[in-house]
Each structure stands twice: as structure tokens, then as C-alpha cells.
């Protein structure tokens, strides 16, 4: 459990409180900040926004990085909707 004193949510940056398990858990890939409230900003992407895209901004996905436009669009959409649904439910 990753609790930070003084934080209104009780969790450190990079974590959010998961009501299902009653504990602080790491942000999903592509999200960061207090309560996982921010997407990674270009050129950063991935877990804790620690990776860097080597492509232009329109081809860099905040979760998965550089996209091969023809095959990655479906994967990008899947991750976007999965992460959005996940955050909405927690």
C-alpha cells in the first residue's frame, strides 16, 4: 500500500485509491500525477511516463508510444477506452 501523508486522496503521485481493493495502486500505463489525473504528455508515454516517443506528436500515443498507423489504431483505441472506463469506475 502506497500512502502519502498530507495528500487529500491518501495516495502518492502515480497512484490512485482502488475502491475494489481498498488500497493505493499504480496508475494505468499512460497516466500519472495525483489520482492518475493526467495523461503522459508528448513525447513521454507508458508506465509512469518514463519512455519517450521517437516519432511526431500525432503518431505518439500516451500509453503505447509510436504507432504504426495501419495496425496500431485498433490497439490505441482499445487502450484508450479501457483506461477511460477503468478510471471512470474507480
PDB file of N, CA and C in Angstrom:
ATOM      1  N   UNK A   1       0.844  -1.176   0.000  1.00  0.00           N
ATOM      2  CA  UNK A   1       0.000   0.000   0.000  1.00  0.00           C
ATOM      3  C   UNK A   1       0.884   1.233   0.000  1.00  0.00           C
ATOM      4  N   UNK A   2       0.570   2.193  -0.857  1.00  0.00           N
ATOM      5  CA  UNK A   2       1.413   3.362  -1.016  1.00  0.00           C
ATOM      6  C   UNK A   2       0.646   4.598  -0.578  1.00  0.00           C
ATOM      7  N   UNK A   3       0.706   4.927   0.685  1.00  0.00           N
ATOM      8  CA  UNK A   3       0.008   6.091   1.218  1.00  0.00           C
ATOM      9  C   UNK A   3       0.977   7.246   1.419  1.00  0.00           C
ATOM     10  N   UNK A   4       0.502   8.458   1.153  1.00  0.00           N
ATOM     11  CA  UNK A   4       1.300   9.661   1.389  1.00  0.00           C
ATOM     12  C   UNK A   4       0.529  10.566   2.337  1.00  0.00           C
ATOM     13  N   UNK A   5       1.144  10.906   3.429  1.00  0.00           N
ATOM     14  CA  UNK A   5       0.510  11.801   4.391  1.00  0.00           C
ATOM     15  C   UNK A   5       0.420  13.194   3.789  1.00  0.00           C
ATOM     16  N   UNK A   6      -0.661  13.876   4.045  1.00  0.00           N
ATOM     17  CA  UNK A   6      -0.856  15.217   3.541  1.00  0.00           C
ATOM     18  C   UNK A   6      -1.513  15.261   2.176  1.00  0.00           C
ATOM     19  N   UNK A   7      -1.618  14.148   1.507  1.00  0.00           N
ATOM     20  CA  UNK A   7      -2.278  14.100   0.214  1.00  0.00           C
ATOM     21  C   UNK A   7      -3.763  13.867   0.469  1.00  0.00           C
ATOM     22  N   UNK A   8      -4.616  14.674  -0.137  1.00  0.00           N
ATOM     23  CA  UNK A   8      -6.055  14.591   0.129  1.00  0.00           C
ATOM     24  C   UNK A   8      -6.649  13.239  -0.248  1.00  0.00           C
ATOM     25  N   UNK A   9      -6.048  12.548  -1.218  1.00  0.00           N
ATOM     26  CA  UNK A   9      -6.556  11.229  -1.620  1.00  0.00           C
ATOM     27  C   UNK A   9      -5.901  10.117  -0.812  1.00  0.00           C
ATOM     28  N   UNK A  10      -4.837  10.453  -0.079  1.00  0.00           N
ATOM     29  CA  UNK A  10      -4.138   9.453   0.708  1.00  0.00           C
ATOM     30  C   UNK A  10      -3.125   8.637  -0.068  1.00  0.00           C
ATOM     31  N   UNK A  11      -3.060   8.822  -1.382  1.00  0.00           N
ATOM     32  CA  UNK A  11      -2.118   8.074  -2.211  1.00  0.00           C
ATOM     33  C   UNK A  11      -1.056   9.012  -2.769  1.00  0.00           C
ATOM     34  N   UNK A  12       0.135   8.478  -2.989  1.00  0.00           N
ATOM     35  CA  UNK A  12       1.225   9.251  -3.581  1.00  0.00           C
ATOM     36  C   UNK A  12       0.939   9.526  -5.054  1.00  0.00           C
ATOM     37  N   UNK A  13       1.661  10.513  -5.609  1.00  0.00           N
ATOM     38  CA  UNK A  13       1.578  10.747  -7.050  1.00  0.00           C
ATOM     39  C   UNK A  13       1.937   9.456  -7.769  1.00  0.00           C
ATOM     40  N   UNK A  14       1.222   9.188  -8.868  1.00  0.00           N
ATOM     41  CA  UNK A  14       1.453   7.964  -9.624  1.00  0.00           C
ATOM     42  C   UNK A  14       0.619   6.794  -9.140  1.00  0.00           C
ATOM     43  N   UNK A  15      -0.263   7.052  -8.161  1.00  0.00           N
ATOM     44  CA  UNK A  15      -1.140   6.027  -7.598  1.00  0.00           C
ATOM     45  C   UNK A  15      -2.555   6.578  -7.469  1.00  0.00           C
ATOM     46  N   UNK A  16      -3.524   5.702  -7.367  1.00  0.00           N
ATOM     47  CA  UNK A  16      -4.905   6.101  -7.082  1.00  0.00           C
ATOM     48  C   UNK A  16      -5.498   5.077  -6.123  1.00  0.00           C
ATOM     49  N   UNK A  17      -6.522   5.483  -5.417  1.00  0.00           N
ATOM     50  CA  UNK A  17      -7.182   4.583  -4.481  1.00  0.00           C
ATOM     51  C   UNK A  17      -8.178   3.727  -5.233  1.00  0.00           C
ATOM     52  N   UNK A  18      -7.946   2.433  -5.237  1.00  0.00           N
ATOM     53  CA  UNK A  18      -8.839   1.473  -5.885  1.00  0.00           C
ATOM     54  C   UNK A  18      -9.864   1.030  -4.851  1.00  0.00           C
ATOM     55  N   UNK A  19     -11.093   1.407  -5.079  1.00  0.00           N
ATOM     56  CA  UNK A  19     -12.169   1.075  -4.125  1.00  0.00           C
ATOM     57  C   UNK A  19     -12.395  -0.431  -4.010  1.00  0.00           C
ATOM     58  N   UNK A  20     -12.114  -1.157  -5.081  1.00  0.00           N
ATOM     59  CA  UNK A  20     -12.332  -2.608  -5.059  1.00  0.00           C
ATOM     60  C   UNK A  20     -11.388  -3.326  -4.108  1.00  0.00           C
ATOM     61  N   UNK A  21     -10.153  -2.845  -4.008  1.00  0.00           N
ATOM     62  CA  UNK A  21      -9.188  -3.495  -3.123  1.00  0.00           C
ATOM     63  C   UNK A  21      -8.908  -2.684  -1.865  1.00  0.00           C
ATOM     64  N   UNK A  22      -9.435  -1.449  -1.821  1.00  0.00           N
ATOM     65  CA  UNK A  22      -9.260  -0.606  -0.644  1.00  0.00           C
ATOM     66  C   UNK A  22      -7.828  -0.184  -0.403  1.00  0.00           C
ATOM     67  N   UNK A  23      -7.069   0.009  -1.464  1.00  0.00           N
ATOM     68  CA  UNK A  23      -5.660   0.372  -1.323  1.00  0.00           C
ATOM     69  C   UNK A  23      -5.234   1.261  -2.493  1.00  0.00           C
ATOM     70  N   UNK A  24      -4.078   1.867  -2.343  1.00  0.00           N
ATOM     71  CA  UNK A  24      -3.484   2.650  -3.414  1.00  0.00           C
ATOM     72  C   UNK A  24      -2.795   1.697  -4.386  1.00  0.00           C
ATOM     73  N   UNK A  25      -3.065   1.877  -5.663  1.00  0.00           N
ATOM     74  CA  UNK A  25      -2.433   1.056  -6.694  1.00  0.00           C
ATOM     75  C   UNK A  25      -1.835   1.980  -7.760  1.00  0.00           C
ATOM     76  N   UNK A  26      -0.833   1.451  -8.497  1.00  0.00           N
ATOM     77  CA  UNK A  26      -0.163   2.242  -9.526  1.00  0.00           C
ATOM     78  C   UNK A  26      -1.132   2.666 -10.621  1.00  0.00           C
ATOM     79  N   UNK A  27      -0.846   3.823 -11.189  1.00  0.00           N
ATOM     80  CA  UNK A  27      -1.642   4.315 -12.312  1.00  0.00           C
ATOM     81  C   UNK A  27      -1.541   3.351 -13.494  1.00  0.00           C
ATOM     82  N   UNK A  28      -2.597   3.290 -14.309  1.00  0.00           N
ATOM     83  CA  UNK A  28      -2.514   2.505 -15.539  1.00  0.00           C
ATOM     84  C   UNK A  28      -1.452   3.118 -16.460  1.00  0.00           C
ATOM     85  N   UNK A  29      -0.942   2.321 -17.343  1.00  0.00           N
ATOM     86  CA  UNK A  29       0.051   2.771 -18.314  1.00  0.00           C
ATOM     87  C   UNK A  29      -0.483   3.992 -19.064  1.00  0.00           C
ATOM     88  N   UNK A  30       0.329   5.054 -19.097  1.00  0.00           N
ATOM     89  CA  UNK A  30      -0.058   6.269 -19.820  1.00  0.00           C
ATOM     90  C   UNK A  30      -0.643   7.355 -18.935  1.00  0.00           C
ATOM     91  N   UNK A  31      -0.783   7.086 -17.637  1.00  0.00           N
ATOM     92  CA  UNK A  31      -1.334   8.076 -16.701  1.00  0.00           C
ATOM     93  C   UNK A  31      -0.354   8.330 -15.574  1.00  0.00           C
ATOM     94  N   UNK A  32      -0.435   9.536 -14.999  1.00  0.00           N
ATOM     95  CA  UNK A  32       0.456   9.936 -13.922  1.00  0.00           C
ATOM     96  C   UNK A  32      -0.228  11.000 -13.064  1.00  0.00           C
ATOM     97  N   UNK A  33       0.484  11.517 -12.093  1.00  0.00           N
ATOM     98  CA  UNK A  33       0.058  12.612 -11.199  1.00  0.00           C
ATOM     99  C   UNK A  33      -0.842  12.098 -10.082  1.00  0.00           C
ATOM    100  N   UNK A  34      -1.319  13.016  -9.280  1.00  0.00           N
ATOM    101  CA  UNK A  34      -2.182  12.678  -8.162  1.00  0.00           C
ATOM    102  C   UNK A  34      -3.468  12.054  -8.678  1.00  0.00           C
ATOM    103  N   UNK A  35      -3.806  10.900  -8.144  1.00  0.00           N
ATOM    104  CA  UNK A  35      -5.019  10.182  -8.516  1.00  0.00           C
ATOM    105  C   UNK A  35      -5.068   9.831 -10.011  1.00  0.00           C
ATOM    106  N   UNK A  36      -3.890   9.719 -10.637  1.00  0.00           N
ATOM    107  CA  UNK A  36      -3.793   9.350 -12.059  1.00  0.00           C
ATOM    108  C   UNK A  36      -4.612  10.287 -12.938  1.00  0.00           C
ATOM    109  N   UNK A  37      -4.585  11.551 -12.610  1.00  0.00           N
ATOM    110  CA  UNK A  37      -5.452  12.526 -13.266  1.00  0.00           C
ATOM    111  C   UNK A  37      -4.906  13.085 -14.572  1.00  0.00           C
ATOM    112  N   UNK A  38      -3.667  12.757 -14.923  1.00  0.00           N
ATOM    113  CA  UNK A  38      -3.076  13.311 -16.138  1.00  0.00           C
ATOM    114  C   UNK A  38      -2.534  12.216 -17.042  1.00  0.00           C
ATOM    115  N   UNK A  39      -2.779  12.390 -18.352  1.00  0.00           N
ATOM    116  CA  UNK A  39      -2.165  11.519 -19.352  1.00  0.00           C
ATOM    117  C   UNK A  39      -0.722  11.975 -19.527  1.00  0.00           C
ATOM    118  N   UNK A  40       0.130  11.045 -19.945  1.00  0.00           N
ATOM    119  CA  UNK A  40       1.501  11.412 -20.271  1.00  0.00           C
ATOM    120  C   UNK A  40       1.473  12.464 -21.378  1.00  0.00           C
ATOM    121  N   UNK A  41       2.371  13.429 -21.284  1.00  0.00           N
ATOM    122  CA  UNK A  41       2.473  14.467 -22.311  1.00  0.00           C
ATOM    123  C   UNK A  41       3.597  14.136 -23.283  1.00  0.00           C
ATOM    124  N   UNK A  42       3.358  14.412 -24.541  1.00  0.00           N
ATOM    125  CA  UNK A  42       4.344  14.184 -25.589  1.00  0.00           C
ATOM    126  C   UNK A  42       5.654  14.854 -25.209  1.00  0.00           C
ATOM    127  N   UNK A  43       6.757  14.164 -25.380  1.00  0.00           N
ATOM    128  CA  UNK A  43       6.975  12.885 -26.046  1.00  0.00           C
ATOM    129  C   UNK A  43       6.953  11.678 -25.096  1.00  0.00           C
ATOM    130  N   UNK A  44       6.556  11.880 -23.850  1.00  0.00           N
ATOM    131  CA  UNK A  44       6.543  10.781 -22.878  1.00  0.00           C
ATOM    132  C   UNK A  44       5.358   9.852 -23.085  1.00  0.00           C
ATOM    133  N   UNK A  45       5.550   8.582 -22.702  1.00  0.00           N
ATOM    134  CA  UNK A  45       4.458   7.616 -22.749  1.00  0.00           C
ATOM    135  C   UNK A  45       4.778   6.441 -21.836  1.00  0.00           C
ATOM    136  N   UNK A  46       3.784   5.583 -21.618  1.00  0.00           N
ATOM    137  CA  UNK A  46       3.995   4.320 -20.904  1.00  0.00           C
ATOM    138  C   UNK A  46       3.873   4.412 -19.395  1.00  0.00           C
ATOM    139  N   UNK A  47       4.379   3.383 -18.713  1.00  0.00           N
ATOM    140  CA  UNK A  47       4.315   3.290 -17.255  1.00  0.00           C
ATOM    141  C   UNK A  47       5.091   4.457 -16.655  1.00  0.00           C
ATOM    142  N   UNK A  48       4.420   5.215 -15.819  1.00  0.00           N
ATOM    143  CA  UNK A  48       4.993   6.391 -15.155  1.00  0.00           C
ATOM    144  C   UNK A  48       5.565   7.410 -16.145  1.00  0.00           C
ATOM    145  N   UNK A  49       5.127   7.360 -17.404  1.00  0.00           N
ATOM    146  CA  UNK A  49       5.574   8.286 -18.454  1.00  0.00           C
ATOM    147  C   UNK A  49       7.095   8.289 -18.593  1.00  0.00           C
ATOM    148  N   UNK A  50       7.711   7.129 -18.400  1.00  0.00           N
ATOM    149  CA  UNK A  50       9.173   7.037 -18.396  1.00  0.00           C
ATOM    150  C   UNK A  50       9.789   6.793 -19.768  1.00  0.00           C
ATOM    151  N   UNK A  51       8.981   6.472 -20.760  1.00  0.00           N
ATOM    152  CA  UNK A  51       9.509   6.213 -22.101  1.00  0.00           C
ATOM    153  C   UNK A  51       9.306   7.441 -22.979  1.00  0.00           C
ATOM    154  N   UNK A  52      10.056   7.517 -24.073  1.00  0.00           N
ATOM    155  CA  UNK A  52       9.979   8.688 -24.943  1.00  0.00           C
ATOM    156  C   UNK A  52       9.764   8.276 -26.392  1.00  0.00           C
ATOM    157  N   UNK A  53       8.735   8.848 -27.010  1.00  0.00           N
ATOM    158  CA  UNK A  53       8.438   8.570 -28.419  1.00  0.00           C
ATOM    159  C   UNK A  53       9.544   9.117 -29.306  1.00  0.00           C
ATOM    160  N   UNK A  54       9.853   8.366 -30.346  1.00  0.00           N
ATOM    161  CA  UNK A  54      10.811   8.796 -31.361  1.00  0.00           C
ATOM    162  C   UNK A  54      10.066   9.025 -32.670  1.00  0.00           C
ATOM    163  N   UNK A  55       8.885   9.643 -32.561  1.00  0.00           N
ATOM    164  CA  UNK A  55       8.050   9.936 -33.722  1.00  0.00           C
ATOM    165  C   UNK A  55       7.377  11.280 -33.469  1.00  0.00           C
ATOM    166  N   UNK A  56       6.612  11.755 -34.445  1.00  0.00           N
ATOM    167  CA  UNK A  56       5.954  13.045 -34.244  1.00  0.00           C
ATOM    168  C   UNK A  56       4.766  12.899 -33.299  1.00  0.00           C
ATOM    169  N   UNK A  57       4.286  14.015 -32.806  1.00  0.00           N
ATOM    170  CA  UNK A  57       3.250  14.017 -31.776  1.00  0.00           C
ATOM    171  C   UNK A  57       1.962  13.331 -32.213  1.00  0.00           C
ATOM    172  N   UNK A  58       1.575  13.471 -33.468  1.00  0.00           N
ATOM    173  CA  UNK A  58       0.329  12.860 -33.922  1.00  0.00           C
ATOM    174  C   UNK A  58       0.406  11.337 -33.968  1.00  0.00           C
ATOM    175  N   UNK A  59       1.616  10.783 -33.976  1.00  0.00           N
ATOM    176  CA  UNK A  59       1.794   9.333 -34.009  1.00  0.00           C
ATOM    177  C   UNK A  59       2.182   8.745 -32.657  1.00  0.00           C
ATOM    178  N   UNK A  60       2.285   9.598 -31.638  1.00  0.00           N
ATOM    179  CA  UNK A  60       2.709   9.132 -30.311  1.00  0.00           C
ATOM    180  C   UNK A  60       1.497   8.990 -29.398  1.00  0.00           C
ATOM    181  N   UNK A  61       1.221   7.780 -28.984  1.00  0.00           N
ATOM    182  CA  UNK A  61       0.108   7.512 -28.071  1.00  0.00           C
ATOM    183  C   UNK A  61       0.624   7.553 -26.641  1.00  0.00           C
ATOM    184  N   UNK A  62      -0.093   8.204 -25.749  1.00  0.00           N
ATOM    185  CA  UNK A  62       0.342   8.390 -24.360  1.00  0.00           C
ATOM    186  C   UNK A  62       0.562   7.075 -23.609  1.00  0.00           C
ATOM    187  N   UNK A  63      -0.064   6.005 -24.047  1.00  0.00           N
ATOM    188  CA  UNK A  63       0.065   4.723 -23.369  1.00  0.00           C
ATOM    189  C   UNK A  63       1.040   3.775 -24.064  1.00  0.00           C
ATOM    190  N   UNK A  64       0.980   3.710 -25.395  1.00  0.00           N
ATOM    191  CA  UNK A  64       1.729   2.701 -26.133  1.00  0.00           C
ATOM    192  C   UNK A  64       2.902   3.230 -26.948  1.00  0.00           C
ATOM    193  N   UNK A  65       3.041   4.541 -27.074  1.00  0.00           N
ATOM    194  CA  UNK A  65       4.149   5.114 -27.828  1.00  0.00           C
ATOM    195  C   UNK A  65       3.852   5.264 -29.308  1.00  0.00           C
ATOM    196  N   UNK A  66       4.907   5.209 -30.122  1.00  0.00           N
ATOM    197  CA  UNK A  66       4.764   5.427 -31.565  1.00  0.00           C
ATOM    198  C   UNK A  66       3.887   4.356 -32.195  1.00  0.00           C
ATOM    199  N   UNK A  67       2.981   4.827 -33.022  1.00  0.00           N
ATOM    200  CA  UNK A  67       2.027   3.920 -33.646  1.00  0.00           C
ATOM    201  C   UNK A  67       2.375   3.686 -35.105  1.00  0.00           C
ATOM    202  N   UNK A  68       2.236   2.467 -35.514  1.00  0.00           N
ATOM    203  CA  UNK A  68       2.263   2.128 -36.923  1.00  0.00           C
ATOM    204  C   UNK A  68       0.815   2.328 -37.354  1.00  0.00           C
ATOM    205  N   UNK A  69       0.536   3.416 -38.022  1.00  0.00           N
ATOM    206  CA  UNK A  69      -0.838   3.864 -38.258  1.00  0.00           C
ATOM    207  C   UNK A  69      -1.759   2.752 -38.737  1.00  0.00           C
ATOM    208  N   UNK A  70      -1.328   1.892 -39.607  1.00  0.00           N
ATOM    209  CA  UNK A  70      -2.226   0.875 -40.153  1.00  0.00           C
ATOM    210  C   UNK A  70      -2.622  -0.200 -39.142  1.00  0.00           C
ATOM    211  N   UNK A  71      -1.699  -0.639 -38.298  1.00  0.00           N
ATOM    212  CA  UNK A  71      -2.021  -1.738 -37.393  1.00  0.00           C
ATOM    213  C   UNK A  71      -2.249  -1.304 -35.948  1.00  0.00           C
ATOM    214  N   UNK A  72      -1.784  -0.146 -35.586  1.00  0.00           N
ATOM    215  CA  UNK A  72      -1.857   0.275 -34.189  1.00  0.00           C
ATOM    216  C   UNK A  72      -3.126   1.032 -33.839  1.00  0.00           C
ATOM    217  N   UNK A  73      -3.881   1.499 -34.814  1.00  0.00           N
ATOM    218  CA  UNK A  73      -5.083   2.273 -34.493  1.00  0.00           C
ATOM    219  C   UNK A  73      -6.053   1.500 -33.611  1.00  0.00           C
ATOM    220  N   UNK A  74      -6.290   0.236 -33.916  1.00  0.00           N
ATOM    221  CA  UNK A  74      -7.208  -0.553 -33.103  1.00  0.00           C
ATOM    222  C   UNK A  74      -6.672  -0.747 -31.690  1.00  0.00           C
ATOM    223  N   UNK A  75      -5.388  -1.006 -31.571  1.00  0.00           N
ATOM    224  CA  UNK A  75      -4.788  -1.171 -30.256  1.00  0.00           C
ATOM    225  C   UNK A  75      -4.867   0.122 -29.457  1.00  0.00           C
ATOM    226  N   UNK A  76      -4.595   1.248 -30.101  1.00  0.00           N
ATOM    227  CA  UNK A  76      -4.684   2.542 -29.439  1.00  0.00           C
ATOM    228  C   UNK A  76      -6.100   2.782 -28.925  1.00  0.00           C
ATOM    229  N   UNK A  77      -7.081   2.540 -29.759  1.00  0.00           N
ATOM    230  CA  UNK A  77      -8.463   2.744 -29.346  1.00  0.00           C
ATOM    231  C   UNK A  77      -8.843   1.823 -28.189  1.00  0.00           C
ATOM    232  N   UNK A  78      -8.397   0.585 -28.243  1.00  0.00           N
ATOM    233  CA  UNK A  78      -8.675  -0.354 -27.159  1.00  0.00           C
ATOM    234  C   UNK A  78      -8.103   0.172 -25.836  1.00  0.00           C
ATOM    235  N   UNK A  79      -6.835   0.577 -25.842  1.00  0.00           N
ATOM    236  CA  UNK A  79      -6.197   1.071 -24.616  1.00  0.00           C
ATOM    237  C   UNK A  79      -6.868   2.349 -24.122  1.00  0.00           C
ATOM    238  N   UNK A  80      -7.234   3.226 -25.048  1.00  0.00           N
ATOM    239  CA  UNK A  80      -7.891   4.471 -24.662  1.00  0.00           C
ATOM    240  C   UNK A  80      -9.216   4.182 -23.960  1.00  0.00           C
ATOM    241  N   UNK A  81     -10.045   3.359 -24.567  1.00  0.00           N
ATOM    242  CA  UNK A  81     -11.345   3.059 -23.965  1.00  0.00           C
ATOM    243  C   UNK A  81     -11.212   2.238 -22.690  1.00  0.00           C
ATOM    244  N   UNK A  82     -10.270   1.315 -22.647  1.00  0.00           N
ATOM    245  CA  UNK A  82     -10.056   0.513 -21.439  1.00  0.00           C
ATOM    246  C   UNK A  82      -9.602   1.403 -20.290  1.00  0.00           C
ATOM    247  N   UNK A  83      -8.648   2.286 -20.539  1.00  0.00           N
ATOM    248  CA  UNK A  83      -8.142   3.169 -19.484  1.00  0.00           C
ATOM    249  C   UNK A  83      -9.214   4.163 -19.055  1.00  0.00           C
ATOM    250  N   UNK A  84      -9.959   4.717 -20.012  1.00  0.00           N
ATOM    251  CA  UNK A  84     -11.015   5.679 -19.695  1.00  0.00           C
ATOM    252  C   UNK A  84     -12.095   5.009 -18.842  1.00  0.00           C
ATOM    253  N   UNK A  85     -12.506   3.822 -19.229  1.00  0.00           N
ATOM    254  CA  UNK A  85     -13.511   3.081 -18.478  1.00  0.00           C
ATOM    255  C   UNK A  85     -12.987   2.736 -17.093  1.00  0.00           C
ATOM    256  N   UNK A  86     -11.742   2.298 -17.008  1.00  0.00           N
ATOM    257  CA  UNK A  86     -11.108   1.938 -15.754  1.00  0.00           C
ATOM    258  C   UNK A  86     -11.108   3.138 -14.788  1.00  0.00           C
ATOM    259  N   UNK A  87     -10.668   4.296 -15.277  1.00  0.00           N
ATOM    260  CA  UNK A  87     -10.594   5.475 -14.412  1.00  0.00           C
ATOM    261  C   UNK A  87     -11.980   5.973 -14.021  1.00  0.00           C
ATOM    262  N   UNK A  88     -12.932   5.849 -14.934  1.00  0.00           N
ATOM    263  CA  UNK A  88     -14.294   6.278 -14.633  1.00  0.00           C
ATOM    264  C   UNK A  88     -14.919   5.432 -13.523  1.00  0.00           C
ATOM    265  N   UNK A  89     -14.564   4.164 -13.465  1.00  0.00           N
ATOM    266  CA  UNK A  89     -15.153   3.240 -12.488  1.00  0.00           C
ATOM    267  C   UNK A  89     -14.434   3.245 -11.149  1.00  0.00           C
ATOM    268  N   UNK A  90     -13.347   3.963 -11.032  1.00  0.00           N
ATOM    269  CA  UNK A  90     -12.579   3.982  -9.771  1.00  0.00           C
ATOM    270  C   UNK A  90     -12.527   5.344  -9.168  1.00  0.00           C
TER     271      UNK A  90
END
